[in-house]
Amino acid sequence: MILAAAVCPHPPMIIPAIASGAADDLAALRSACDAAVSVLLGRGAERIVVLGTGDLAADSDESAGGTFAAYGLDLHVGGPGSDLPLSLAVGAWLLDRAGWSGPRTYSTGVPDADGAALLVMADGSAKRSTTAPGFLDERAEAFDASIAAALAAGDAEALAALDVELGAELWAAGVPALRTLGELAKGADIVANLRVDVAPFGVGYWVADWVLS
């Protein structure tokens, strides 16, 4: 069983140097992520599993790393490697920022997470407004709201049952990772805290933490 989980979004603009003049716009989101990661690290897990989406050939250990060169920032995060996709690179940045120097596993699949704490990097629908990357889909708000409700209630079953096809139609990149969280947390007693449920830029973002027993 996993010991705890934190859910955070992964827009590159969460990193102040990338956001530049808009850094203050995401300050509350960044602070909430820091708080959720602090809860995660406070559970005493010996290993943190960073779970996200993107191209990663296989689960990687703490030697994996990533860069933000594609966004104009000369910043390296994690280990000496440079193969982490955006979601996992932002997760590595959050762990580096929190001072975590222990073992890590990076995964875009179903990791071996027994006894570990799970940092889930997951964005919601990118079709929440007419200025969103995927324009407006009227179904997006309700879909994201159902995920927010599951995160707030500690409802692992609901996360595990998320509709993958609908998530893909709504450009909700985080659905596979959230489903995996649900599967890994099934059967546990969960103390849940939904810290943030917002949609700046027309993209759904949540920050939450779960403590499992």
C-alpha atoms as a PDB file:
ATOM      1  CA  MET A   1       0.000   0.000   0.000  1.00  0.00           C
ATOM      2  CA  ILE A   2       1.125   3.549  -0.664  1.00  0.00           C
ATOM      3  CA  LEU A   3       1.546   5.716   2.437  1.00  0.00           C
ATOM      4  CA  ALA A   4       0.376   9.013   0.977  1.00  0.00           C
ATOM      5  CA  ALA A   5      -0.326  10.783  -2.277  1.00  0.00           C
ATOM      6  CA  ALA A   6      -0.159  14.343  -3.513  1.00  0.00           C
ATOM      7  CA  VAL A   7      -1.785  15.503  -6.733  1.00  0.00           C
ATOM      8  CA  CYS A   8      -0.329  18.541  -8.495  1.00  0.00           C
ATOM      9  CA  PRO A   9      -0.641  20.027 -11.993  1.00  0.00           C
ATOM     10  CA  HIS A  10       2.313  20.447 -14.294  1.00  0.00           C
ATOM     11  CA  PRO A  11       2.032  23.635 -16.356  1.00  0.00           C
ATOM     12  CA  PRO A  12       5.554  24.833 -17.154  1.00  0.00           C
ATOM     13  CA  MET A  13       4.477  28.295 -15.997  1.00  0.00           C
ATOM     14  CA  ILE A  14       4.315  27.030 -12.413  1.00  0.00           C
ATOM     15  CA  ILE A  15       8.080  27.599 -12.453  1.00  0.00           C
ATOM     16  CA  PRO A  16       8.532  31.327 -11.751  1.00  0.00           C
ATOM     17  CA  ALA A  17      11.422  31.802 -14.164  1.00  0.00           C
ATOM     18  CA  ILE A  18       9.282  30.476 -17.019  1.00  0.00           C
ATOM     19  CA  ALA A  19       6.189  32.434 -16.011  1.00  0.00           C
ATOM     20  CA  SER A  20       8.286  35.601 -15.786  1.00  0.00           C
ATOM     21  CA  GLY A  21       5.903  38.552 -15.432  1.00  0.00           C
ATOM     22  CA  ALA A  22       2.960  36.212 -14.833  1.00  0.00           C
ATOM     23  CA  ALA A  23       4.657  34.386 -11.945  1.00  0.00           C
ATOM     24  CA  ASP A  24       2.405  36.008  -9.350  1.00  0.00           C
ATOM     25  CA  ASP A  25      -0.682  34.702 -11.166  1.00  0.00           C
ATOM     26  CA  LEU A  26       0.239  31.146 -10.176  1.00  0.00           C
ATOM     27  CA  ALA A  27       1.705  31.931  -6.755  1.00  0.00           C
ATOM     28  CA  ALA A  28      -1.239  30.403  -4.880  1.00  0.00           C
ATOM     29  CA  LEU A  29      -1.095  27.260  -7.014  1.00  0.00           C
ATOM     30  CA  ARG A  30       2.641  26.953  -6.420  1.00  0.00           C
ATOM     31  CA  SER A  31       2.234  27.407  -2.662  1.00  0.00           C
ATOM     32  CA  ALA A  32      -0.501  24.777  -2.553  1.00  0.00           C
ATOM     33  CA  CYS A  33       1.758  22.321  -4.378  1.00  0.00           C
ATOM     34  CA  ASP A  34       4.518  23.020  -1.864  1.00  0.00           C
ATOM     35  CA  ALA A  35       2.098  22.326   0.996  1.00  0.00           C
ATOM     36  CA  ALA A  36       0.847  19.079  -0.544  1.00  0.00           C
ATOM     37  CA  VAL A  37       4.396  17.867  -1.170  1.00  0.00           C
ATOM     38  CA  SER A  38       5.268  18.729   2.431  1.00  0.00           C
ATOM     39  CA  VAL A  39       2.460  16.450   3.627  1.00  0.00           C
ATOM     40  CA  LEU A  40       3.744  13.741   1.289  1.00  0.00           C
ATOM     41  CA  LEU A  41       7.297  13.939   2.598  1.00  0.00           C
ATOM     42  CA  GLY A  42       6.086  14.084   6.178  1.00  0.00           C
ATOM     43  CA  ARG A  43       4.749  10.534   6.056  1.00  0.00           C
ATOM     44  CA  GLY A  44       8.198   9.005   6.434  1.00  0.00           C
ATOM     45  CA  ALA A  45       8.278   7.097   3.155  1.00  0.00           C
ATOM     46  CA  GLU A  46      11.739   5.983   2.112  1.00  0.00           C
ATOM     47  CA  ARG A  47      10.928   6.451  -1.591  1.00  0.00           C
ATOM     48  CA  ILE A  48       8.870   8.897  -3.618  1.00  0.00           C
ATOM     49  CA  VAL A  49       7.207   7.714  -6.817  1.00  0.00           C
ATOM     50  CA  VAL A  50       6.536  10.515  -9.306  1.00  0.00           C
ATOM     51  CA  LEU A  51       3.698   9.452 -11.594  1.00  0.00           C
ATOM     52  CA  GLY A  52       2.757  11.339 -14.732  1.00  0.00           C
ATOM     53  CA  THR A  53       2.239  11.200 -18.471  1.00  0.00           C
ATOM     54  CA  GLY A  54       4.471  11.514 -21.508  1.00  0.00           C
ATOM     55  CA  ASP A  55       7.180   9.545 -23.242  1.00  0.00           C
ATOM     56  CA  LEU A  56       9.317   7.500 -20.863  1.00  0.00           C
ATOM     57  CA  ALA A  57      10.635   4.160 -22.064  1.00  0.00           C
ATOM     58  CA  ALA A  58      10.590   2.528 -18.622  1.00  0.00           C
ATOM     59  CA  ASP A  59      10.359   3.414 -14.961  1.00  0.00           C
ATOM     60  CA  SER A  60      13.472   5.339 -13.936  1.00  0.00           C
ATOM     61  CA  ASP A  61      15.241   5.917 -10.635  1.00  0.00           C
ATOM     62  CA  GLU A  62      16.703   9.079  -9.136  1.00  0.00           C
ATOM     63  CA  SER A  63      19.404   9.190 -11.824  1.00  0.00           C
ATOM     64  CA  ALA A  64      16.727  10.424 -14.255  1.00  0.00           C
ATOM     65  CA  GLY A  65      16.435  14.141 -14.800  1.00  0.00           C
ATOM     66  CA  GLY A  66      14.858  16.719 -17.031  1.00  0.00           C
ATOM     67  CA  THR A  67      15.299  20.191 -18.437  1.00  0.00           C
ATOM     68  CA  PHE A  68      13.085  23.103 -19.397  1.00  0.00           C
ATOM     69  CA  ALA A  69      15.145  24.185 -22.389  1.00  0.00           C
ATOM     70  CA  ALA A  70      12.072  23.862 -24.616  1.00  0.00           C
ATOM     71  CA  TYR A  71      10.535  26.697 -22.599  1.00  0.00           C
ATOM     72  CA  GLY A  72      13.579  28.931 -22.782  1.00  0.00           C
ATOM     73  CA  LEU A  73      14.902  28.149 -19.308  1.00  0.00           C
ATOM     74  CA  ASP A  74      18.350  26.745 -18.590  1.00  0.00           C
ATOM     75  CA  LEU A  75      17.293  24.648 -15.597  1.00  0.00           C
ATOM     76  CA  HIS A  76      18.113  21.012 -14.884  1.00  0.00           C
ATOM     77  CA  VAL A  77      16.058  19.067 -12.323  1.00  0.00           C
ATOM     78  CA  GLY A  78      16.375  15.655 -10.753  1.00  0.00           C
ATOM     79  CA  GLY A  79      19.378  13.485 -11.526  1.00  0.00           C
ATOM     80  CA  PRO A  80      22.013  13.776 -14.256  1.00  0.00           C
ATOM     81  CA  GLY A  81      19.774  12.371 -16.998  1.00  0.00           C
ATOM     82  CA  SER A  82      17.665  14.521 -19.291  1.00  0.00           C
ATOM     83  CA  ASP A  83      14.899  12.221 -20.504  1.00  0.00           C
ATOM     84  CA  LEU A  84      11.971  13.107 -18.234  1.00  0.00           C
ATOM     85  CA  PRO A  85       8.819  14.389 -19.978  1.00  0.00           C
ATOM     86  CA  LEU A  86       7.260  17.644 -18.795  1.00  0.00           C
ATOM     87  CA  SER A  87       4.936  16.170 -16.175  1.00  0.00           C
ATOM     88  CA  LEU A  88       7.731  14.262 -14.455  1.00  0.00           C
ATOM     89  CA  ALA A  89      10.199  17.133 -14.812  1.00  0.00           C
ATOM     90  CA  VAL A  90       7.805  19.436 -12.951  1.00  0.00           C
ATOM     91  CA  GLY A  91       7.439  16.717 -10.320  1.00  0.00           C
ATOM     92  CA  ALA A  92      11.223  16.537 -10.017  1.00  0.00           C
ATOM     93  CA  TRP A  93      11.318  20.321  -9.656  1.00  0.00           C
ATOM     94  CA  LEU A  94       8.787  20.177  -6.810  1.00  0.00           C
ATOM     95  CA  LEU A  95      10.820  17.513  -4.997  1.00  0.00           C
ATOM     96  CA  ASP A  96      14.066  19.422  -5.528  1.00  0.00           C
ATOM     97  CA  ARG A  97      12.353  22.561  -4.254  1.00  0.00           C
ATOM     98  CA  ALA A  98      11.229  20.683  -1.137  1.00  0.00           C
ATOM     99  CA  GLY A  99      14.753  19.416  -0.475  1.00  0.00           C
ATOM    100  CA  TRP A 100      14.024  15.718  -1.053  1.00  0.00           C
ATOM    101  CA  SER A 101      17.315  13.877  -1.594  1.00  0.00           C
ATOM    102  CA  GLY A 102      16.120  10.310  -1.049  1.00  0.00           C
ATOM    103  CA  PRO A 103      15.251   7.596  -3.574  1.00  0.00           C
ATOM    104  CA  ARG A 104      12.828   8.398  -6.372  1.00  0.00           C
ATOM    105  CA  THR A 105      11.025   6.433  -9.043  1.00  0.00           C
ATOM    106  CA  TYR A 106       9.627   8.146 -12.134  1.00  0.00           C
ATOM    107  CA  SER A 107       6.819   6.380 -13.985  1.00  0.00           C
ATOM    108  CA  THR A 108       4.196   6.917 -16.665  1.00  0.00           C
ATOM    109  CA  GLY A 109       2.684   3.476 -16.136  1.00  0.00           C
ATOM    110  CA  VAL A 110       1.754   1.373 -13.134  1.00  0.00           C
ATOM    111  CA  PRO A 111       4.754   1.528 -10.800  1.00  0.00           C
ATOM    112  CA  ASP A 112       5.788  -0.653  -7.909  1.00  0.00           C
ATOM    113  CA  ALA A 113       4.760   1.782  -5.183  1.00  0.00           C
ATOM    114  CA  ASP A 114       4.315  -0.458  -2.143  1.00  0.00           C
ATOM    115  CA  GLY A 115       5.462   1.420   0.957  1.00  0.00           C
ATOM    116  CA  ALA A 116       6.199   4.548  -1.067  1.00  0.00           C
ATOM    117  CA  ALA A 117       4.569   7.967  -1.258  1.00  0.00           C
ATOM    118  CA  LEU A 118       3.096   8.968  -4.612  1.00  0.00           C
ATOM    119  CA  LEU A 119       3.425  12.376  -6.280  1.00  0.00           C
ATOM    120  CA  VAL A 120       0.818  12.393  -9.043  1.00  0.00           C
ATOM    121  CA  MET A 121       1.332  15.010 -11.742  1.00  0.00           C
ATOM    122  CA  ALA A 122      -2.036  15.426 -13.447  1.00  0.00           C
ATOM    123  CA  ASP A 123      -3.743  18.183 -15.421  1.00  0.00           C
ATOM    124  CA  GLY A 124      -7.480  18.298 -16.036  1.00  0.00           C
ATOM    125  CA  SER A 125      -9.319  19.193 -19.206  1.00  0.00           C
ATOM    126  CA  ALA A 126      -7.722  21.729 -21.526  1.00  0.00           C
ATOM    127  CA  LYS A 127     -11.142  22.616 -22.935  1.00  0.00           C
ATOM    128  CA  ARG A 128     -12.595  24.711 -20.135  1.00  0.00           C
ATOM    129  CA  SER A 129     -13.013  28.032 -21.982  1.00  0.00           C
ATOM    130  CA  THR A 130     -13.000  29.615 -25.416  1.00  0.00           C
ATOM    131  CA  THR A 131      -9.379  30.649 -24.846  1.00  0.00           C
ATOM    132  CA  ALA A 132      -8.281  27.182 -23.698  1.00  0.00           C
ATOM    133  CA  PRO A 133      -5.738  25.210 -25.740  1.00  0.00           C
ATOM    134  CA  GLY A 134      -8.548  22.932 -26.958  1.00  0.00           C
ATOM    135  CA  PHE A 135     -11.258  25.629 -27.087  1.00  0.00           C
ATOM    136  CA  LEU A 136     -14.498  25.093 -25.124  1.00  0.00           C
ATOM    137  CA  ASP A 137     -16.191  21.746 -24.634  1.00  0.00           C
ATOM    138  CA  GLU A 138     -19.360  22.019 -22.556  1.00  0.00           C
ATOM    139  CA  ARG A 139     -18.650  18.624 -20.957  1.00  0.00           C
ATOM    140  CA  ALA A 140     -15.283  19.643 -19.551  1.00  0.00           C
ATOM    141  CA  GLU A 141     -16.383  21.506 -16.426  1.00  0.00           C
ATOM    142  CA  ALA A 142     -18.554  18.639 -15.158  1.00  0.00           C
ATOM    143  CA  PHE A 143     -15.834  16.100 -15.921  1.00  0.00           C
ATOM    144  CA  ASP A 144     -13.247  18.067 -13.975  1.00  0.00           C
ATOM    145  CA  ALA A 145     -15.752  18.626 -11.155  1.00  0.00           C
ATOM    146  CA  SER A 146     -16.219  14.866 -10.801  1.00  0.00           C
ATOM    147  CA  ILE A 147     -12.469  14.461 -10.359  1.00  0.00           C
ATOM    148  CA  ALA A 148     -12.331  17.295  -7.825  1.00  0.00           C
ATOM    149  CA  ALA A 149     -15.130  15.618  -5.867  1.00  0.00           C
ATOM    150  CA  ALA A 150     -13.265  12.296  -5.845  1.00  0.00           C
ATOM    151  CA  LEU A 151     -10.060  13.970  -4.686  1.00  0.00           C
ATOM    152  CA  ALA A 152     -11.919  15.841  -1.933  1.00  0.00           C
ATOM    153  CA  ALA A 153     -13.689  12.700  -0.721  1.00  0.00           C
ATOM    154  CA  GLY A 154     -10.743  10.326  -0.957  1.00  0.00           C
ATOM    155  CA  ASP A 155     -12.800   8.255  -3.400  1.00  0.00           C
ATOM    156  CA  ALA A 156     -10.256   5.875  -4.888  1.00  0.00           C
ATOM    157  CA  GLU A 157     -12.944   3.831  -6.642  1.00  0.00           C
ATOM    158  CA  ALA A 158     -14.179   6.887  -8.547  1.00  0.00           C
ATOM    159  CA  LEU A 159     -10.682   7.782  -9.719  1.00  0.00           C
ATOM    160  CA  ALA A 160      -9.991   4.210 -10.800  1.00  0.00           C
ATOM    161  CA  ALA A 161     -13.183   4.254 -12.882  1.00  0.00           C
ATOM    162  CA  LEU A 162     -12.501   7.503 -14.763  1.00  0.00           C
ATOM    163  CA  ASP A 163     -13.505   7.364 -18.433  1.00  0.00           C
ATOM    164  CA  VAL A 164     -10.275   7.230 -20.440  1.00  0.00           C
ATOM    165  CA  GLU A 165     -11.942   7.906 -23.791  1.00  0.00           C
ATOM    166  CA  LEU A 166     -13.850  10.931 -22.515  1.00  0.00           C
ATOM    167  CA  GLY A 167     -10.704  12.193 -20.831  1.00  0.00           C
ATOM    168  CA  ALA A 168      -8.859  11.990 -24.144  1.00  0.00           C
ATOM    169  CA  GLU A 169     -11.656  13.837 -25.942  1.00  0.00           C
ATOM    170  CA  LEU A 170     -11.487  16.589 -23.330  1.00  0.00           C
ATOM    171  CA  TRP A 171      -7.695  16.799 -23.454  1.00  0.00           C
ATOM    172  CA  ALA A 172      -7.481  15.783 -19.794  1.00  0.00           C
ATOM    173  CA  ALA A 173      -3.915  14.525 -19.805  1.00  0.00           C
ATOM    174  CA  GLY A 174      -3.927  13.484 -16.166  1.00  0.00           C
ATOM    175  CA  VAL A 175      -6.638  10.823 -16.392  1.00  0.00           C
ATOM    176  CA  PRO A 176      -4.319   7.787 -16.736  1.00  0.00           C
ATOM    177  CA  ALA A 177      -2.225   8.859 -13.740  1.00  0.00           C
ATOM    178  CA  LEU A 178      -5.333   9.573 -11.665  1.00  0.00           C
ATOM    179  CA  ARG A 179      -6.752   6.157 -12.533  1.00  0.00           C
ATOM    180  CA  THR A 180      -3.507   4.575 -11.373  1.00  0.00           C
ATOM    181  CA  LEU A 181      -3.699   6.515  -8.107  1.00  0.00           C
ATOM    182  CA  GLY A 182      -7.211   5.181  -7.643  1.00  0.00           C
ATOM    183  CA  GLU A 183      -6.116   1.601  -8.224  1.00  0.00           C
ATOM    184  CA  LEU A 184      -3.169   1.898  -5.835  1.00  0.00           C
ATOM    185  CA  ALA A 185      -5.310   3.468  -3.100  1.00  0.00           C
ATOM    186  CA  LYS A 186      -8.263   1.071  -3.255  1.00  0.00           C
ATOM    187  CA  GLY A 187      -9.234  -0.402   0.089  1.00  0.00           C
ATOM    188  CA  ALA A 188      -7.309   2.091   2.204  1.00  0.00           C
ATOM    189  CA  ASP A 189      -8.705   4.510   4.749  1.00  0.00           C
ATOM    190  CA  ILE A 190      -7.983   7.932   3.282  1.00  0.00           C
ATOM    191  CA  VAL A 191      -7.833  11.348   4.895  1.00  0.00           C
ATOM    192  CA  ALA A 192      -8.256  13.654   1.906  1.00  0.00           C
ATOM    193  CA  ASN A 193      -7.616  17.359   1.460  1.00  0.00           C
ATOM    194  CA  LEU A 194      -8.468  19.169  -1.774  1.00  0.00           C
ATOM    195  CA  ARG A 195      -6.490  22.398  -1.632  1.00  0.00           C
ATOM    196  CA  VAL A 196      -7.104  23.872  -5.082  1.00  0.00           C
ATOM    197  CA  ASP A 197      -9.662  23.415  -7.867  1.00  0.00           C
ATOM    198  CA  VAL A 198      -9.171  26.082 -10.525  1.00  0.00           C
ATOM    199  CA  ALA A 199      -9.006  26.488 -14.289  1.00  0.00           C
ATOM    200  CA  PRO A 200      -6.683  29.344 -15.235  1.00  0.00           C
ATOM    201  CA  PHE A 201      -5.921  29.538 -18.945  1.00  0.00           C
ATOM    202  CA  GLY A 202      -8.921  27.247 -19.548  1.00  0.00           C
ATOM    203  CA  VAL A 203      -7.137  24.183 -18.124  1.00  0.00           C
ATOM    204  CA  GLY A 204      -8.314  22.334 -15.029  1.00  0.00           C
ATOM    205  CA  TYR A 205      -5.812  22.135 -12.182  1.00  0.00           C
ATOM    206  CA  TRP A 206      -6.142  20.472  -8.781  1.00  0.00           C
ATOM    207  CA  VAL A 207      -3.888  20.257  -5.776  1.00  0.00           C
ATOM    208  CA  ALA A 208      -4.736  17.605  -3.208  1.00  0.00           C
ATOM    209  CA  ASP A 209      -3.125  15.368  -0.645  1.00  0.00           C
ATOM    210  CA  TRP A 210      -4.200  12.000   0.695  1.00  0.00           C
ATOM    211  CA  VAL A 211      -2.907  10.259   3.805  1.00  0.00           C
ATOM    212  CA  LEU A 212      -3.574   6.520   3.728  1.00  0.00           C
ATOM    213  CA  SER A 213      -3.813   3.908   6.447  1.00  0.00           C
END
